[in-house]
Amino acid sequence: MRTALYTLLFTAALLVCVLALDASVSAQQTGQQPQPTPRPTAAAAPTAGAQDDVQVGPVFTREVQLPITVLDKKEQPVAGLTLNDFVIFEDKQPQQIASFRDEAAGTPIYVAVLMDISSSAAAKLRFEKESAKDFLYTVVRVRKDRAAFATFDEDVNLLQDFTDKLNKLDDAVDSVKKPGTTTALYDAVWRMCDEKMRGVTGRRVIVVITDGDDTSSRAKLEEAIEMAQRTETIVFAISTKSGFSSVVPGVEAGTVKDEDDKKLDRLADATGGKAFFIGDRLELERAFTRVARELRGQYIVTYRPTNKKYDGSYRRIEVKLAAERDGLKVRTRRGYNAWADRNK
C-alpha cells in the first residue's frame, strides 16, 4: 500500500517537471528568446576638459616635430643646449615640449639630391654633376644615412632610390648625359616630398641644385612649401645662377637678388633650410660643409599643439631661446597646415 503511494507521488512530481520544461521551450519558440548583443555605437564627442586628442571616429595623436639649428656669429652650430634652453610658440601661444634630443646622437638622415638639367642649366651640367657627388660624399654617412638622386627638367626622374651605397649614387649621377628643356623646380620638390619622404623614418632633407628659374611647374611655390612642411622635410638650395667662375660673383659676393633668388630663399627658409648663392668652387665646398655641420648639430623637438582644431589652417611656429644670448640665432621651419593626418 505504502509502495503504491510513493509510486503515485513520484509520477506526479515527474509530470510537473515535464510540463514546466515544455512551457519554457514553448515560450522561447514564441519570441521570448534573449535579445542580441547590441552593436557598438559611435563615441560621444569630447566634453570640455576631456582627454587631449580624443576624436569622434579615428583616434590619433598629432605631434609636430621641429629640427632646430642654433648658429653663432660665425654661422657655426652651437652644441650643448638642453630642453630648458628653448621656448616654442604656435600662433603666439606657448607650447609644451613633449620630447627633445640632441642630434649628436646621430639619427639617420634621408637626403634626396634634385639636380636641374633644364636648358638654362645646360652649360653647368658637368659642374652640377660634380657638385652632386661632392655633396653626397660630404653629407652621407655610410651604413648610417640614405641618399636618393633625381633630375628634373619638365619631368622628374628618380635615377637612384634611397641607398647607402655611394657607388650606386655615383653611377646614377654619371648616367646623366644631356639636358632637358624647361624647368619644373616646384613640381620636383612637391613630388619628392609626396612620393618618397612620406614613407621614411628619420630626418628628411632635400638639396636642390638649380639656377632657381621655374618655368613649367604645375605646383606653385606655396604648394611646394606646404608639402615640404607637411612631410617635415628641410630644403637646402644651391644656386648655380652665377656661373661658378671667379669672374662672375655670386649673390652673396655682392650682386642683387632677383625674384627667382628670393623664391629660393623662401623655399629654404620656410622649411628650416638655407639657400646658398655662390660664385666659385671653394665657396661651394664651404656651403656643403656648412650643411653637413648643421645636420649633425641640430636639436629635434616635438610638441602637441594646444589648438586641437585640425581644419587645414596655417599655423605659424616661432622658436626662441629661453634666455637671450648675444649673437645666437635660431632656425627652424616657419609653420605648417594643420591637417588631422599630416599625410592628407
Protein backbone atom coordinates (compact mmCIF):
# COMPACT_ATOMS: atom_id res chain seq x y z
CA MET A 1 0.00 0.00 0.00
CA ARG A 2 2.77 2.38 1.03
CA THR A 3 4.81 1.44 -2.06
CA ALA A 4 1.89 2.27 -4.34
CA LEU A 5 1.53 5.71 -2.66
CA TYR A 6 5.25 6.52 -3.19
CA THR A 7 4.96 5.49 -6.83
CA LEU A 8 1.98 7.79 -7.33
CA LEU A 9 3.75 10.80 -5.73
CA PHE A 10 6.93 10.25 -7.83
CA THR A 11 4.88 10.08 -11.04
CA ALA A 12 3.08 13.34 -10.18
CA ALA A 13 6.34 15.17 -9.48
CA LEU A 14 7.84 13.94 -12.74
CA LEU A 15 4.77 15.16 -14.63
CA VAL A 16 5.11 18.66 -13.11
CA CYS A 17 8.76 18.87 -14.19
CA VAL A 18 7.94 17.80 -17.73
CA LEU A 19 5.12 20.35 -18.01
CA ALA A 20 7.40 23.18 -16.72
CA LEU A 21 10.16 22.29 -19.20
CA ASP A 22 7.66 22.20 -22.05
CA ALA A 23 6.31 25.65 -21.11
CA SER A 24 9.85 27.10 -21.12
CA VAL A 25 10.59 25.68 -24.56
CA SER A 26 7.29 26.95 -25.91
CA ALA A 27 7.99 30.46 -24.58
CA GLN A 28 11.38 30.58 -26.36
CA GLN A 29 9.80 29.43 -29.62
CA THR A 30 7.15 32.18 -29.48
CA GLY A 31 9.59 35.12 -29.45
CA GLN A 32 10.73 35.41 -25.84
CA GLN A 33 14.35 34.50 -26.69
CA PRO A 34 17.25 36.62 -25.25
CA GLN A 35 17.94 39.90 -27.09
CA PRO A 36 21.05 40.01 -29.40
CA THR A 37 24.17 41.81 -28.16
CA PRO A 38 23.88 45.47 -29.24
CA ARG A 39 26.42 46.78 -31.77
CA PRO A 40 28.94 49.35 -30.52
CA THR A 41 27.81 52.92 -31.01
CA ALA A 42 29.98 55.89 -32.03
CA ALA A 43 31.87 57.53 -29.20
CA ALA A 44 30.43 60.72 -27.86
CA ALA A 45 32.14 63.98 -28.71
CA PRO A 46 34.69 65.01 -26.05
CA THR A 47 33.47 67.48 -23.47
CA ALA A 48 35.43 70.39 -22.07
CA GLY A 49 38.34 69.12 -20.06
CA ALA A 50 38.31 65.69 -21.73
CA GLN A 51 41.46 63.79 -22.69
CA ASP A 52 43.53 65.60 -25.36
CA ASP A 53 43.31 64.30 -28.95
CA VAL A 54 40.15 62.22 -28.35
CA GLN A 55 38.13 62.43 -31.55
CA VAL A 56 34.89 61.04 -32.91
CA GLY A 57 35.98 58.43 -35.44
CA PRO A 58 39.70 57.75 -35.96
CA VAL A 59 41.84 58.31 -32.88
CA PHE A 60 45.21 59.96 -33.41
CA THR A 61 47.85 61.92 -31.59
CA ARG A 62 49.22 64.84 -33.60
CA GLU A 63 52.79 65.80 -32.77
CA VAL A 64 54.78 68.46 -34.52
CA GLN A 65 58.46 67.69 -34.98
CA LEU A 66 60.96 70.52 -35.37
CA PRO A 67 64.61 70.15 -36.39
CA ILE A 68 66.21 73.23 -34.82
CA THR A 69 69.57 74.76 -35.72
CA VAL A 70 71.25 77.31 -33.44
CA LEU A 71 74.09 79.29 -35.01
CA ASP A 72 76.67 81.64 -33.52
CA LYS A 73 78.10 84.83 -35.04
CA LYS A 74 80.39 82.80 -37.30
CA GLU A 75 77.48 80.69 -38.59
CA GLN A 76 78.70 77.66 -36.66
CA PRO A 77 76.24 75.29 -34.93
CA VAL A 78 76.00 75.73 -31.16
CA ALA A 79 76.23 72.47 -29.21
CA GLY A 80 75.33 71.53 -25.66
CA LEU A 81 71.88 73.10 -25.37
CA THR A 82 69.09 71.38 -23.45
CA LEU A 83 65.30 71.24 -23.46
CA ASN A 84 65.15 74.13 -20.99
CA ASP A 85 67.01 76.41 -23.42
CA PHE A 86 64.09 76.50 -25.89
CA VAL A 87 60.66 78.12 -25.90
CA ILE A 88 58.15 77.25 -28.64
CA PHE A 89 55.15 79.27 -29.78
CA GLU A 90 52.40 78.30 -32.20
CA ASP A 91 50.29 81.24 -33.35
CA LYS A 92 51.85 83.15 -30.43
CA GLN A 93 50.63 80.57 -27.90
CA PRO A 94 53.31 78.81 -25.78
CA GLN A 95 53.61 75.06 -26.34
CA GLN A 96 54.85 72.35 -24.00
CA ILE A 97 57.79 70.35 -25.33
CA ALA A 98 56.97 66.64 -25.43
CA SER A 99 60.40 65.30 -26.38
CA PHE A 100 63.91 66.59 -27.02
CA ARG A 101 67.07 65.09 -28.39
CA ASP A 102 70.48 66.32 -29.46
CA GLU A 103 71.43 65.15 -32.94
CA ALA A 104 74.95 64.48 -31.78
CA ALA A 105 73.35 61.07 -31.15
CA GLY A 106 73.20 60.68 -34.93
CA THR A 107 69.63 59.91 -36.04
CA PRO A 108 69.72 58.62 -39.65
CA ILE A 109 69.21 61.21 -42.38
CA TYR A 110 67.31 60.59 -45.62
CA VAL A 111 68.61 63.10 -48.14
CA ALA A 112 67.42 63.49 -51.72
CA VAL A 113 69.50 65.44 -54.23
CA LEU A 114 67.46 67.07 -57.01
CA MET A 115 69.56 68.29 -59.93
CA ASP A 116 68.32 70.78 -62.52
CA ILE A 117 69.05 69.56 -66.07
CA SER A 118 66.88 72.09 -67.92
CA SER A 119 68.21 74.02 -70.91
CA SER A 120 69.03 77.03 -68.72
CA ALA A 121 71.42 74.85 -66.72
CA ALA A 122 72.92 73.05 -69.73
CA ALA A 123 76.23 74.94 -69.64
CA LYS A 124 76.66 73.98 -65.98
CA LEU A 125 75.69 70.33 -66.26
CA ARG A 126 79.19 68.99 -65.70
CA PHE A 127 79.68 71.26 -62.73
CA GLU A 128 76.31 70.27 -61.28
CA LYS A 129 77.20 66.59 -61.53
CA GLU A 130 80.48 67.18 -59.72
CA SER A 131 78.62 69.23 -57.12
CA ALA A 132 76.06 66.48 -56.54
CA LYS A 133 78.82 63.94 -55.94
CA ASP A 134 80.71 66.30 -53.65
CA PHE A 135 77.61 66.89 -51.57
CA LEU A 136 76.79 63.19 -51.25
CA TYR A 137 80.34 62.35 -50.17
CA THR A 138 80.34 65.23 -47.68
CA VAL A 139 76.98 64.57 -46.03
CA VAL A 140 76.08 60.88 -46.31
CA ARG A 141 77.48 58.60 -43.61
CA VAL A 142 77.96 55.05 -44.91
CA ARG A 143 75.82 52.43 -43.13
CA LYS A 144 74.01 55.25 -41.33
CA ASP A 145 72.27 57.63 -43.75
CA ARG A 146 70.41 57.04 -47.01
CA ALA A 147 70.51 59.17 -50.15
CA ALA A 148 68.49 59.33 -53.36
CA PHE A 149 69.28 61.13 -56.62
CA ALA A 150 66.84 62.60 -59.12
CA THR A 151 66.95 65.04 -62.01
CA PHE A 152 64.31 67.46 -63.19
CA ASP A 153 63.53 69.48 -66.30
CA GLU A 154 59.88 69.46 -67.36
CA ASP A 155 59.70 65.99 -65.74
CA VAL A 156 61.08 64.50 -62.54
CA ASN A 157 63.21 61.36 -62.92
CA LEU A 158 64.33 59.27 -59.95
CA LEU A 159 67.64 57.72 -61.02
CA GLN A 160 68.55 56.15 -57.68
CA ASP A 161 66.24 55.39 -54.77
CA PHE A 162 67.41 55.69 -51.17
CA THR A 163 70.63 53.77 -50.58
CA ASP A 164 73.79 53.99 -48.50
CA LYS A 165 75.91 52.67 -51.40
CA LEU A 166 77.92 55.62 -52.70
CA ASN A 167 78.96 53.72 -55.84
CA LYS A 168 75.29 53.40 -56.85
CA LEU A 169 74.81 57.12 -56.35
CA ASP A 170 77.94 57.79 -58.42
CA ASP A 171 76.59 55.67 -61.26
CA ALA A 172 73.26 57.49 -61.12
CA VAL A 173 74.94 60.90 -61.36
CA ASP A 174 77.20 59.70 -64.20
CA SER A 175 74.20 58.41 -66.13
CA VAL A 176 73.02 61.99 -66.77
CA LYS A 177 74.18 62.71 -70.34
CA LYS A 178 72.13 65.54 -71.79
CA PRO A 179 69.96 68.41 -70.61
CA GLY A 180 66.20 68.69 -70.96
CA THR A 181 64.12 71.71 -71.87
CA THR A 182 62.00 73.64 -69.34
CA THR A 183 62.31 73.75 -65.53
CA ALA A 184 59.75 72.28 -63.10
CA LEU A 185 61.50 73.05 -59.80
CA TYR A 186 58.42 73.24 -57.57
CA ASP A 187 56.99 70.05 -59.08
CA ALA A 188 60.25 68.27 -58.28
CA VAL A 189 60.19 69.33 -54.63
CA TRP A 190 56.47 68.56 -54.28
CA ARG A 191 56.75 65.10 -55.82
CA MET A 192 59.88 64.09 -53.93
CA CYS A 193 58.23 65.01 -50.63
CA ASP A 194 54.92 63.38 -51.54
CA GLU A 195 56.22 60.18 -53.12
CA LYS A 196 59.45 59.47 -51.26
CA MET A 197 59.70 61.39 -47.99
CA ARG A 198 56.36 60.23 -46.56
CA GLY A 199 57.49 56.64 -46.14
CA VAL A 200 60.85 57.10 -44.41
CA THR A 201 61.73 57.31 -40.72
CA GLY A 202 64.43 59.71 -39.67
CA ARG A 203 65.23 63.27 -40.65
CA ARG A 204 64.22 64.25 -44.17
CA VAL A 205 66.33 66.59 -46.29
CA ILE A 206 66.18 67.73 -49.91
CA VAL A 207 69.08 69.51 -51.60
CA VAL A 208 68.20 71.29 -54.85
CA ILE A 209 70.98 72.22 -57.27
CA THR A 210 69.42 74.71 -59.68
CA ASP A 211 69.52 78.17 -61.21
CA GLY A 212 66.20 78.77 -59.44
CA ASP A 213 64.24 79.75 -62.56
CA ASP A 214 61.00 77.72 -62.56
CA THR A 215 59.29 77.84 -65.96
CA SER A 216 56.87 74.90 -66.16
CA SER A 217 55.69 73.62 -62.76
CA ARG A 218 52.03 72.88 -62.19
CA ALA A 219 52.63 73.28 -58.46
CA LYS A 220 53.09 76.75 -57.08
CA LEU A 221 55.87 77.80 -54.73
CA GLU A 222 53.41 77.89 -51.81
CA GLU A 223 52.27 74.33 -52.58
CA ALA A 224 55.85 73.05 -52.67
CA ILE A 225 56.50 74.71 -49.31
CA GLU A 226 53.30 73.27 -47.83
CA MET A 227 54.17 69.73 -48.94
CA ALA A 228 57.69 70.03 -47.52
CA GLN A 229 56.29 71.30 -44.21
CA ARG A 230 53.62 68.58 -44.14
CA THR A 231 56.22 65.84 -44.56
CA GLU A 232 58.67 67.62 -42.21
CA THR A 233 61.32 67.92 -44.93
CA ILE A 234 64.10 70.52 -44.78
CA VAL A 235 65.08 72.05 -48.12
CA PHE A 236 68.55 73.40 -48.88
CA ALA A 237 69.15 75.10 -52.23
CA ILE A 238 72.41 75.57 -54.12
CA SER A 239 72.05 78.26 -56.78
CA THR A 240 74.09 77.81 -59.97
CA LYS A 241 72.95 81.09 -61.49
CA SER A 242 76.23 82.94 -61.02
CA GLY A 243 78.07 80.59 -63.36
CA PHE A 244 80.62 79.43 -60.77
CA SER A 245 83.59 81.31 -62.06
CA SER A 246 85.87 83.73 -60.29
CA VAL A 247 84.89 86.34 -62.88
CA VAL A 248 81.13 86.22 -62.15
CA PRO A 249 80.46 86.74 -58.44
CA GLY A 250 77.57 85.09 -56.67
CA VAL A 251 74.77 86.89 -54.88
CA GLU A 252 76.49 86.64 -51.52
CA ALA A 253 79.53 88.27 -53.10
CA GLY A 254 77.58 91.44 -53.78
CA THR A 255 75.09 91.13 -56.64
CA VAL A 256 71.41 91.89 -56.01
CA LYS A 257 68.95 89.01 -55.64
CA ASP A 258 66.30 88.85 -58.34
CA GLU A 259 62.78 87.43 -57.94
CA ASP A 260 63.86 83.81 -58.55
CA ASP A 261 66.63 84.12 -55.95
CA LYS A 262 64.09 85.40 -53.43
CA LYS A 263 61.81 82.44 -54.15
CA LEU A 264 64.66 80.03 -53.49
CA ASP A 265 65.23 81.86 -50.22
CA ARG A 266 61.55 81.47 -49.32
CA LEU A 267 61.50 77.76 -50.17
CA ALA A 268 64.51 77.04 -47.97
CA ASP A 269 63.72 79.45 -45.15
CA ALA A 270 60.11 78.27 -44.70
CA THR A 271 61.25 74.66 -44.27
CA GLY A 272 64.14 75.32 -41.90
CA GLY A 273 66.91 75.16 -44.51
CA LYS A 274 69.02 77.73 -46.33
CA ALA A 275 69.70 78.84 -49.90
CA PHE A 276 73.32 79.36 -50.93
CA PHE A 277 74.27 81.75 -53.73
CA ILE A 278 77.92 81.18 -54.52
CA GLY A 279 80.38 82.11 -57.22
CA ASP A 280 83.22 79.60 -57.14
CA ARG A 281 84.17 76.05 -56.28
CA LEU A 282 85.71 76.94 -52.93
CA GLU A 283 82.52 78.59 -51.72
CA LEU A 284 80.52 75.61 -52.94
CA GLU A 285 82.63 73.26 -50.83
CA ARG A 286 82.18 75.54 -47.85
CA ALA A 287 78.41 75.51 -48.39
CA PHE A 288 78.33 71.71 -48.41
CA THR A 289 80.41 71.59 -45.24
CA ARG A 290 78.02 74.04 -43.58
CA VAL A 291 75.03 71.90 -44.48
CA ALA A 292 76.73 68.78 -43.11
CA ARG A 293 77.64 70.55 -39.86
CA GLU A 294 74.15 71.91 -39.42
CA LEU A 295 72.57 68.50 -39.90
CA ARG A 296 74.97 66.98 -37.37
CA GLY A 297 74.35 69.79 -34.88
CA GLN A 298 70.57 70.01 -34.89
CA TYR A 299 68.19 69.57 -31.99
CA ILE A 300 64.95 67.66 -32.57
CA VAL A 301 61.98 68.89 -30.55
CA THR A 302 58.38 67.65 -30.64
CA TYR A 303 55.24 69.15 -29.13
CA ARG A 304 51.48 68.52 -29.16
CA PRO A 305 49.63 71.64 -30.31
CA THR A 306 47.28 73.19 -27.76
CA ASN A 307 44.94 74.06 -30.64
CA LYS A 308 43.10 70.78 -31.38
CA LYS A 309 41.20 72.08 -34.39
CA TYR A 310 42.55 70.29 -37.49
CA ASP A 311 40.98 72.07 -40.44
CA GLY A 312 43.95 72.66 -42.72
CA SER A 313 44.53 76.21 -41.46
CA TYR A 314 48.07 77.54 -41.37
CA ARG A 315 49.87 77.58 -38.01
CA ARG A 316 52.87 79.85 -37.55
CA ILE A 317 55.76 78.47 -35.49
CA GLU A 318 58.33 80.51 -33.61
CA VAL A 319 61.22 79.07 -31.61
CA LYS A 320 63.21 81.24 -29.24
CA LEU A 321 65.97 80.74 -26.73
CA ALA A 322 64.70 80.92 -23.16
CA ALA A 323 67.50 83.34 -22.30
CA GLU A 324 68.85 85.88 -24.76
CA ARG A 325 72.37 85.08 -25.90
CA ASP A 326 74.34 87.65 -27.82
CA GLY A 327 74.83 86.79 -31.47
CA LEU A 328 72.95 83.46 -31.47
CA LYS A 329 70.15 82.86 -33.96
CA VAL A 330 67.63 80.03 -34.20
CA ARG A 331 66.48 78.46 -37.45
CA THR A 332 63.63 76.02 -37.97
CA ARG A 333 60.61 75.71 -40.25
CA ARG A 334 58.18 78.61 -40.09
CA GLY A 335 54.91 76.70 -39.78
CA TYR A 336 52.58 74.03 -41.16
CA ASN A 337 49.00 73.45 -42.28
CA ALA A 338 47.04 71.72 -39.53
CA TRP A 339 45.54 68.60 -41.08
CA ALA A 340 44.32 65.78 -38.84
CA ASP A 341 46.52 63.44 -40.83
CA ARG A 342 49.78 65.08 -41.78
CA ASN A 343 49.89 62.86 -44.89
CA LYS A 344 46.49 64.06 -46.11
